[in-house]
Amino acid sequence: MCFPNGCTSSTDALGYAFNTIRHGQEDWFVSGGVESCVTPAMMQGFERMKVNPINYNDDPSRGSRPFNRDREGFVLAEGCWMIILEELEHAKKRGANIVAELVGYGTTCDAYHRVAIMPDGKQSTRALRLALKDARTNEDEVDYINFPGTSTLLNDKVETMAVKNTLTERQ
């Protein structure tokens, strides 16, 4: 199954696999994602959007700095990941080495702009709240958040806003 919906496609594939297992349709599922945007057309498009760093090309360690005051955007790269999700009792029965448990998933679609998220953060906040609700957990039980961290002014601002709106008890 392919989810060609941009930045969240791999996460949505994982959510689909999670729900397929949770609803008893499968005992296990292979899920993953791939990004292959280092092509002349894609590079030119991102350059026109002014989301590629230009001042730190001599120092790659400073290329992408999410949430940094001097951020300039993200570094284009290619990558892939794959994960096997398995129903918990099925995994225990076969003696699997269980390294993590996925307990909830939330997604929305703000349909605001082809390459930009809604600046008010409402849909990003809603996605986080849906994930917490789906997991039947409280905000004080959240130990880790994996941000996209694009190092762009809008995304960094909205991601921060969404977490602050969701984890209100920690402020």
Foldseek 3Di string as FASTA:
>chain_A
DFQPQPPCGQVVQVVVQVVCCVVPVDFKDKGKDKDDQPDVVSVVVVVVVQAWDDPQPVPVVQGADFPDPPFRWADDDIDMDMDMDGDPVVCVVVPHDDDDDQQFFFADDPVPDSPADDQVLPRVLVRVVRRCVSSVHALVPDDDDDAPRGSDPRRSNSNVVSNCVRNVVVD
